[in-house]
Amino acid sequence: MDDGEAITRLRAARVGRLATVTPEGSPHVVPLVFVVLERDGGLVAYWVVDEKPKRSRRLRRLRNIETNPSAAILVDEYSDDWGRLWWVRADGTGRVVRSRSERVAALDALLAKYQQYAITPPNGPVVAIDIHRVTGWAAEDASGA
C-alpha cells in the first residue's frame, strides 16, 4: 500500500485503536474516534474526551501522553475473505491542544465526521497526535492484485 492510499484509509476510518505507553513502560490500547487534518504542512490526528460514561475525565491515556508522548493509531479492516484484509498505522507525538483556534478546528472536524458529536458536542480536552510516519499493508498488495 502506498503512502497516499494509507492516508486515505486512515482519514476515512470511523474507529481506530490508540496506543500509548504507561509510566511503567507497558502498552495501553483503547478504541477511539478521531479525525486527521493537515496542519503546518503535516498530518495531525485529533480526538476529544467526550461525554460517554467514564470513571474519570482524567483518563489514563491523557496521563500516559503527559509522561511519554509517543503514540500510535491503528485502523484496519477484517474480512473472512483474507484477500480483503488491510491495516494502517500512524505513529506520532501526543499533546493536549492548548490553542483555541486549533481546538475549534479539531472540534468542527469531529462534529462534521460524527453525528453523535453534533447532537452532544464534547467539551473535554482535545488531544492531538502529530503524525511522523504512516505505514500500511493490504492483502491485495501482497497478492499482486
N, C-alpha and C. Protein backbone atom coordinates (compact mmCIF):
# COMPACT_ATOMS: atom_id res chain seq x y z
N MET A 1 0.85 -1.17 0.00
CA MET A 1 0.00 0.00 0.00
C MET A 1 0.90 1.24 0.00
N ASP A 2 0.65 2.15 -0.93
CA ASP A 2 1.47 3.36 -0.96
C ASP A 2 1.00 4.36 0.10
N ASP A 3 1.81 5.40 0.33
CA ASP A 3 1.51 6.37 1.38
C ASP A 3 0.18 7.07 1.17
N GLY A 4 -0.12 7.42 -0.08
CA GLY A 4 -1.38 8.11 -0.36
C GLY A 4 -2.58 7.28 -0.01
N GLU A 5 -2.55 6.00 -0.37
CA GLU A 5 -3.66 5.10 -0.05
C GLU A 5 -3.76 4.89 1.46
N ALA A 6 -2.63 4.77 2.14
CA ALA A 6 -2.64 4.60 3.60
C ALA A 6 -3.28 5.81 4.28
N ILE A 7 -2.94 7.00 3.84
CA ILE A 7 -3.51 8.21 4.43
C ILE A 7 -5.00 8.31 4.12
N THR A 8 -5.41 7.96 2.92
CA THR A 8 -6.83 7.96 2.56
C THR A 8 -7.62 7.03 3.46
N ARG A 9 -7.11 5.83 3.68
CA ARG A 9 -7.80 4.87 4.54
C ARG A 9 -7.81 5.33 6.00
N LEU A 10 -6.72 5.92 6.45
CA LEU A 10 -6.66 6.45 7.81
C LEU A 10 -7.73 7.52 8.01
N ARG A 11 -7.82 8.45 7.07
CA ARG A 11 -8.79 9.55 7.17
C ARG A 11 -10.23 9.05 7.13
N ALA A 12 -10.48 8.02 6.35
CA ALA A 12 -11.84 7.51 6.18
C ALA A 12 -12.31 6.64 7.34
N ALA A 13 -11.39 6.10 8.11
CA ALA A 13 -11.76 5.17 9.19
C ALA A 13 -12.68 5.84 10.20
N ARG A 14 -13.69 5.11 10.64
CA ARG A 14 -14.64 5.62 11.62
C ARG A 14 -14.18 5.36 13.05
N VAL A 15 -13.34 4.34 13.23
CA VAL A 15 -12.85 3.98 14.55
C VAL A 15 -11.42 3.46 14.42
N GLY A 16 -10.64 3.66 15.44
CA GLY A 16 -9.28 3.16 15.46
C GLY A 16 -8.92 2.72 16.86
N ARG A 17 -7.68 2.33 17.03
CA ARG A 17 -7.16 1.98 18.35
C ARG A 17 -5.98 2.89 18.63
N LEU A 18 -6.02 3.50 19.81
CA LEU A 18 -4.96 4.40 20.24
C LEU A 18 -4.04 3.64 21.17
N ALA A 19 -2.76 3.64 20.85
CA ALA A 19 -1.75 3.02 21.71
C ALA A 19 -0.90 4.11 22.33
N THR A 20 -0.79 4.06 23.67
CA THR A 20 0.09 4.94 24.41
C THR A 20 0.95 4.06 25.33
N VAL A 21 1.88 4.69 26.02
CA VAL A 21 2.80 3.97 26.90
C VAL A 21 2.58 4.45 28.33
N THR A 22 2.36 3.51 29.26
CA THR A 22 2.18 3.87 30.66
C THR A 22 3.50 4.33 31.26
N PRO A 23 3.46 5.02 32.39
CA PRO A 23 4.71 5.42 33.05
C PRO A 23 5.62 4.24 33.38
N GLU A 24 5.04 3.05 33.54
CA GLU A 24 5.84 1.85 33.82
C GLU A 24 6.40 1.22 32.55
N GLY A 25 6.03 1.76 31.38
CA GLY A 25 6.55 1.25 30.12
C GLY A 25 5.68 0.21 29.45
N SER A 26 4.48 -0.03 29.97
CA SER A 26 3.57 -1.01 29.38
C SER A 26 2.71 -0.36 28.31
N PRO A 27 2.31 -1.13 27.29
CA PRO A 27 1.40 -0.57 26.29
C PRO A 27 0.00 -0.41 26.88
N HIS A 28 -0.71 0.59 26.41
CA HIS A 28 -2.10 0.84 26.81
C HIS A 28 -2.85 1.13 25.52
N VAL A 29 -3.85 0.32 25.19
CA VAL A 29 -4.56 0.45 23.92
C VAL A 29 -6.05 0.59 24.20
N VAL A 30 -6.67 1.58 23.57
CA VAL A 30 -8.11 1.80 23.70
C VAL A 30 -8.68 2.19 22.33
N PRO A 31 -9.96 1.88 22.10
CA PRO A 31 -10.60 2.34 20.86
C PRO A 31 -10.84 3.85 20.93
N LEU A 32 -10.90 4.47 19.76
CA LEU A 32 -11.19 5.91 19.72
C LEU A 32 -11.80 6.29 18.39
N VAL A 33 -12.49 7.42 18.39
CA VAL A 33 -12.93 8.07 17.16
C VAL A 33 -12.05 9.31 17.00
N PHE A 34 -11.77 9.68 15.77
CA PHE A 34 -10.77 10.71 15.52
C PHE A 34 -10.96 11.30 14.13
N VAL A 35 -10.28 12.39 13.88
CA VAL A 35 -10.17 12.98 12.55
C VAL A 35 -8.69 13.23 12.27
N VAL A 36 -8.35 13.28 10.99
CA VAL A 36 -7.00 13.62 10.57
C VAL A 36 -7.08 14.88 9.72
N LEU A 37 -6.34 15.90 10.13
CA LEU A 37 -6.31 17.18 9.41
C LEU A 37 -4.88 17.52 9.02
N GLU A 38 -4.74 18.35 7.98
CA GLU A 38 -3.44 18.89 7.64
C GLU A 38 -3.22 20.14 8.48
N ARG A 39 -2.01 20.27 9.03
CA ARG A 39 -1.68 21.44 9.86
C ARG A 39 -0.18 21.70 9.73
N ASP A 40 0.16 22.90 9.37
CA ASP A 40 1.56 23.31 9.26
C ASP A 40 2.37 22.35 8.38
N GLY A 41 1.77 21.91 7.30
CA GLY A 41 2.47 21.05 6.34
C GLY A 41 2.55 19.58 6.72
N GLY A 42 1.91 19.19 7.82
CA GLY A 42 1.93 17.79 8.25
C GLY A 42 0.53 17.31 8.57
N LEU A 43 0.43 16.07 9.00
CA LEU A 43 -0.84 15.49 9.38
C LEU A 43 -0.94 15.41 10.89
N VAL A 44 -2.14 15.71 11.39
CA VAL A 44 -2.41 15.64 12.83
C VAL A 44 -3.73 14.91 13.02
N ALA A 45 -3.72 13.91 13.90
CA ALA A 45 -4.95 13.23 14.29
C ALA A 45 -5.46 13.87 15.57
N TYR A 46 -6.77 14.09 15.64
CA TYR A 46 -7.37 14.71 16.82
C TYR A 46 -8.46 13.81 17.39
N TRP A 47 -8.54 13.77 18.71
CA TRP A 47 -9.66 13.13 19.40
C TRP A 47 -9.97 13.98 20.62
N VAL A 48 -11.11 13.73 21.21
CA VAL A 48 -11.57 14.56 22.33
C VAL A 48 -12.13 13.66 23.43
N VAL A 49 -11.95 14.09 24.65
CA VAL A 49 -12.60 13.41 25.78
C VAL A 49 -14.06 13.84 25.73
N ASP A 50 -14.92 12.86 25.47
CA ASP A 50 -16.33 13.19 25.24
C ASP A 50 -17.19 12.81 26.44
N GLU A 51 -18.49 12.80 26.21
CA GLU A 51 -19.45 12.62 27.30
C GLU A 51 -19.83 11.17 27.56
N LYS A 52 -19.26 10.22 26.82
CA LYS A 52 -19.59 8.82 27.10
C LYS A 52 -19.21 8.52 28.55
N PRO A 53 -19.93 7.60 29.21
CA PRO A 53 -19.62 7.31 30.62
C PRO A 53 -18.16 6.87 30.82
N LYS A 54 -17.52 7.50 31.79
CA LYS A 54 -16.14 7.19 32.14
C LYS A 54 -16.02 7.27 33.66
N ARG A 55 -15.05 6.59 34.20
CA ARG A 55 -14.81 6.67 35.64
C ARG A 55 -14.32 8.05 36.04
N SER A 56 -13.59 8.70 35.11
CA SER A 56 -12.99 9.99 35.40
C SER A 56 -12.72 10.70 34.09
N ARG A 57 -12.67 12.03 34.12
CA ARG A 57 -12.26 12.79 32.93
C ARG A 57 -10.75 12.81 32.81
N ARG A 58 -10.07 12.41 33.86
CA ARG A 58 -8.59 12.36 33.86
C ARG A 58 -8.19 10.96 33.41
N LEU A 59 -8.28 10.71 32.13
CA LEU A 59 -8.10 9.37 31.57
C LEU A 59 -6.64 8.94 31.58
N ARG A 60 -6.45 7.64 31.70
CA ARG A 60 -5.10 7.08 31.68
C ARG A 60 -4.36 7.48 30.40
N ARG A 61 -5.05 7.48 29.27
CA ARG A 61 -4.37 7.82 28.01
C ARG A 61 -3.84 9.25 28.05
N LEU A 62 -4.53 10.16 28.74
CA LEU A 62 -4.03 11.53 28.90
C LEU A 62 -2.80 11.54 29.79
N ARG A 63 -2.86 10.83 30.89
CA ARG A 63 -1.71 10.76 31.80
C ARG A 63 -0.51 10.13 31.10
N ASN A 64 -0.77 9.10 30.28
CA ASN A 64 0.31 8.44 29.55
C ASN A 64 1.01 9.44 28.62
N ILE A 65 0.23 10.20 27.88
CA ILE A 65 0.80 11.16 26.93
C ILE A 65 1.61 12.24 27.65
N GLU A 66 1.15 12.64 28.83
CA GLU A 66 1.90 13.63 29.60
C GLU A 66 3.27 13.08 30.02
N THR A 67 3.32 11.79 30.34
CA THR A 67 4.56 11.16 30.79
C THR A 67 5.47 10.78 29.61
N ASN A 68 4.86 10.21 28.58
CA ASN A 68 5.59 9.77 27.39
C ASN A 68 4.69 10.06 26.19
N PRO A 69 5.00 11.07 25.39
CA PRO A 69 4.10 11.47 24.32
C PRO A 69 4.05 10.54 23.10
N SER A 70 4.85 9.47 23.10
CA SER A 70 4.79 8.53 21.97
C SER A 70 3.41 7.90 21.89
N ALA A 71 2.84 7.90 20.68
CA ALA A 71 1.50 7.36 20.49
C ALA A 71 1.38 6.81 19.08
N ALA A 72 0.42 5.92 18.90
CA ALA A 72 0.12 5.38 17.58
C ALA A 72 -1.38 5.15 17.47
N ILE A 73 -1.88 5.30 16.26
CA ILE A 73 -3.28 4.97 15.96
C ILE A 73 -3.25 3.88 14.90
N LEU A 74 -4.02 2.83 15.13
CA LEU A 74 -4.14 1.73 14.19
C LEU A 74 -5.57 1.63 13.72
N VAL A 75 -5.75 1.56 12.40
CA VAL A 75 -7.07 1.28 11.80
C VAL A 75 -6.90 0.06 10.92
N ASP A 76 -7.98 -0.71 10.77
CA ASP A 76 -7.86 -1.92 9.98
C ASP A 76 -9.22 -2.36 9.46
N GLU A 77 -9.17 -3.30 8.55
CA GLU A 77 -10.37 -3.92 8.00
C GLU A 77 -10.18 -5.42 8.08
N TYR A 78 -11.12 -6.08 8.75
CA TYR A 78 -11.10 -7.54 8.79
C TYR A 78 -12.22 -8.07 7.92
N SER A 79 -11.96 -9.17 7.25
CA SER A 79 -12.96 -9.87 6.46
C SER A 79 -12.62 -11.34 6.50
N ASP A 80 -13.66 -12.17 6.46
CA ASP A 80 -13.41 -13.61 6.35
C ASP A 80 -12.74 -13.95 5.03
N ASP A 81 -12.87 -13.06 4.05
CA ASP A 81 -12.11 -13.17 2.81
C ASP A 81 -10.77 -12.48 3.06
N TRP A 82 -9.77 -13.27 3.40
CA TRP A 82 -8.49 -12.69 3.80
C TRP A 82 -7.79 -11.93 2.69
N GLY A 83 -8.29 -12.01 1.49
CA GLY A 83 -7.76 -11.22 0.39
C GLY A 83 -8.15 -9.76 0.49
N ARG A 84 -9.05 -9.43 1.44
CA ARG A 84 -9.51 -8.06 1.61
C ARG A 84 -8.95 -7.40 2.87
N LEU A 85 -8.06 -8.07 3.59
CA LEU A 85 -7.51 -7.52 4.82
C LEU A 85 -6.60 -6.33 4.54
N TRP A 86 -6.59 -5.37 5.46
CA TRP A 86 -5.63 -4.27 5.41
C TRP A 86 -5.52 -3.63 6.79
N TRP A 87 -4.39 -2.91 6.98
CA TRP A 87 -4.22 -2.11 8.19
C TRP A 87 -3.35 -0.90 7.86
N VAL A 88 -3.55 0.16 8.67
CA VAL A 88 -2.76 1.38 8.56
C VAL A 88 -2.42 1.82 9.98
N ARG A 89 -1.16 2.20 10.19
CA ARG A 89 -0.71 2.69 11.49
C ARG A 89 -0.09 4.07 11.32
N ALA A 90 -0.50 4.98 12.20
CA ALA A 90 0.06 6.34 12.23
C ALA A 90 0.81 6.50 13.54
N ASP A 91 2.11 6.72 13.46
CA ASP A 91 2.95 6.92 14.65
C ASP A 91 3.19 8.41 14.83
N GLY A 92 3.19 8.86 16.08
CA GLY A 92 3.43 10.27 16.31
C GLY A 92 3.64 10.63 17.75
N THR A 93 3.50 11.92 18.00
CA THR A 93 3.71 12.50 19.32
C THR A 93 2.42 13.15 19.78
N GLY A 94 1.97 12.75 20.97
CA GLY A 94 0.71 13.27 21.50
C GLY A 94 0.90 14.52 22.34
N ARG A 95 -0.16 15.33 22.36
CA ARG A 95 -0.16 16.54 23.18
C ARG A 95 -1.60 17.00 23.37
N VAL A 96 -1.87 17.62 24.50
CA VAL A 96 -3.16 18.25 24.71
C VAL A 96 -3.16 19.58 23.99
N VAL A 97 -4.20 19.85 23.23
CA VAL A 97 -4.29 21.09 22.45
C VAL A 97 -4.56 22.26 23.38
N ARG A 98 -3.72 23.27 23.30
CA ARG A 98 -3.85 24.49 24.12
C ARG A 98 -4.38 25.68 23.32
N SER A 99 -4.12 25.68 22.01
CA SER A 99 -4.53 26.80 21.15
C SER A 99 -6.04 26.76 20.90
N ARG A 100 -6.69 27.90 21.14
CA ARG A 100 -8.14 27.98 20.92
C ARG A 100 -8.49 27.71 19.47
N SER A 101 -7.75 28.29 18.53
CA SER A 101 -8.08 28.13 17.12
C SER A 101 -7.88 26.67 16.68
N GLU A 102 -6.85 26.02 17.18
CA GLU A 102 -6.64 24.61 16.83
C GLU A 102 -7.74 23.75 17.43
N ARG A 103 -8.14 24.04 18.66
CA ARG A 103 -9.23 23.30 19.31
C ARG A 103 -10.53 23.43 18.52
N VAL A 104 -10.85 24.66 18.10
CA VAL A 104 -12.09 24.90 17.35
C VAL A 104 -12.06 24.13 16.03
N ALA A 105 -10.92 24.17 15.32
CA ALA A 105 -10.81 23.46 14.03
C ALA A 105 -10.98 21.95 14.23
N ALA A 106 -10.35 21.41 15.28
CA ALA A 106 -10.46 19.98 15.55
C ALA A 106 -11.89 19.60 15.90
N LEU A 107 -12.53 20.38 16.77
CA LEU A 107 -13.92 20.08 17.16
C LEU A 107 -14.87 20.21 15.98
N ASP A 108 -14.68 21.22 15.15
CA ASP A 108 -15.52 21.36 13.95
C ASP A 108 -15.41 20.12 13.07
N ALA A 109 -14.20 19.63 12.88
CA ALA A 109 -14.00 18.44 12.04
C ALA A 109 -14.61 17.19 12.69
N LEU A 110 -14.47 17.06 14.00
CA LEU A 110 -15.07 15.91 14.69
C LEU A 110 -16.60 15.96 14.62
N LEU A 111 -17.19 17.14 14.78
CA LEU A 111 -18.64 17.29 14.68
C LEU A 111 -19.13 16.97 13.27
N ALA A 112 -18.35 17.33 12.27
CA ALA A 112 -18.73 17.04 10.88
C ALA A 112 -18.65 15.54 10.59
N LYS A 113 -17.70 14.84 11.20
CA LYS A 113 -17.50 13.41 10.91
C LYS A 113 -18.45 12.53 11.71
N TYR A 114 -18.77 12.92 12.93
CA TYR A 114 -19.56 12.07 13.82
C TYR A 114 -20.85 12.77 14.24
N GLN A 115 -21.97 12.26 13.77
CA GLN A 115 -23.28 12.83 14.08
C GLN A 115 -23.52 12.90 15.59
N GLN A 116 -23.02 11.92 16.32
CA GLN A 116 -23.22 11.90 17.76
C GLN A 116 -22.64 13.16 18.42
N TYR A 117 -21.52 13.64 17.91
CA TYR A 117 -20.92 14.85 18.46
C TYR A 117 -21.73 16.09 18.07
N ALA A 118 -22.36 16.06 16.91
CA ALA A 118 -23.20 17.18 16.50
C ALA A 118 -24.41 17.28 17.43
N ILE A 119 -24.90 16.14 17.90
CA ILE A 119 -26.05 16.12 18.82
C ILE A 119 -25.63 16.53 20.22
N THR A 120 -24.51 15.97 20.70
CA THR A 120 -23.99 16.27 22.04
C THR A 120 -22.52 16.68 21.90
N PRO A 121 -22.27 17.97 21.66
CA PRO A 121 -20.88 18.40 21.47
C PRO A 121 -20.03 18.13 22.71
N PRO A 122 -18.86 17.54 22.51
CA PRO A 122 -17.97 17.26 23.64
C PRO A 122 -17.31 18.54 24.14
N ASN A 123 -17.04 18.58 25.43
CA ASN A 123 -16.36 19.77 25.97
C ASN A 123 -15.11 19.42 26.75
N GLY A 124 -14.64 18.19 26.63
CA GLY A 124 -13.42 17.78 27.31
C GLY A 124 -12.18 18.20 26.55
N PRO A 125 -11.02 17.81 27.06
CA PRO A 125 -9.76 18.15 26.39
C PRO A 125 -9.70 17.57 24.97
N VAL A 126 -9.15 18.35 24.06
CA VAL A 126 -8.85 17.88 22.71
C VAL A 126 -7.38 17.47 22.70
N VAL A 127 -7.12 16.29 22.13
CA VAL A 127 -5.76 15.78 22.09
C VAL A 127 -5.34 15.64 20.63
N ALA A 128 -4.10 16.03 20.35
CA ALA A 128 -3.53 15.93 19.01
C ALA A 128 -2.44 14.87 19.01
N ILE A 129 -2.35 14.14 17.93
CA ILE A 129 -1.22 13.26 17.67
C ILE A 129 -0.55 13.82 16.41
N ASP A 130 0.60 14.46 16.59
CA ASP A 130 1.35 14.97 15.44
C ASP A 130 2.00 13.77 14.77
N ILE A 131 1.52 13.45 13.58
CA ILE A 131 1.91 12.21 12.90
C ILE A 131 3.27 12.38 12.23
N HIS A 132 4.18 11.46 12.54
CA HIS A 132 5.52 11.46 11.95
C HIS A 132 5.67 10.42 10.85
N ARG A 133 4.88 9.35 10.95
CA ARG A 133 5.02 8.25 9.98
C ARG A 133 3.69 7.54 9.83
N VAL A 134 3.33 7.23 8.59
CA VAL A 134 2.16 6.42 8.29
C VAL A 134 2.63 5.21 7.50
N THR A 135 2.27 4.03 7.98
CA THR A 135 2.61 2.78 7.29
C THR A 135 1.34 1.97 7.12
N GLY A 136 1.35 1.09 6.14
CA GLY A 136 0.18 0.25 5.92
C GLY A 136 0.50 -0.99 5.13
N TRP A 137 -0.47 -1.89 5.15
CA TRP A 137 -0.35 -3.16 4.42
C TRP A 137 -1.74 -3.53 3.95
N ALA A 138 -1.83 -4.10 2.79
CA ALA A 138 -3.10 -4.61 2.27
C ALA A 138 -2.86 -5.94 1.58
N ALA A 139 -3.75 -6.89 1.81
CA ALA A 139 -3.60 -8.22 1.21
C ALA A 139 -3.57 -8.13 -0.31
N GLU A 140 -4.34 -7.22 -0.89
CA GLU A 140 -4.32 -7.15 -2.35
C GLU A 140 -2.95 -6.74 -2.88
N ASP A 141 -2.17 -5.97 -2.09
CA ASP A 141 -0.81 -5.63 -2.49
C ASP A 141 0.09 -6.85 -2.45
N ALA A 142 -0.07 -7.68 -1.42
CA ALA A 142 0.76 -8.85 -1.24
C ALA A 142 0.47 -9.94 -2.28
N SER A 143 -0.78 -9.94 -2.76
CA SER A 143 -1.16 -10.99 -3.72
C SER A 143 -0.86 -10.60 -5.16
N GLY A 144 -0.43 -9.37 -5.36
CA GLY A 144 -0.11 -8.92 -6.70
C GLY A 144 -1.32 -8.43 -7.46
N ALA A 145 -2.47 -8.32 -6.82
CA ALA A 145 -3.69 -7.87 -7.48
C ALA A 145 -3.66 -6.38 -7.72
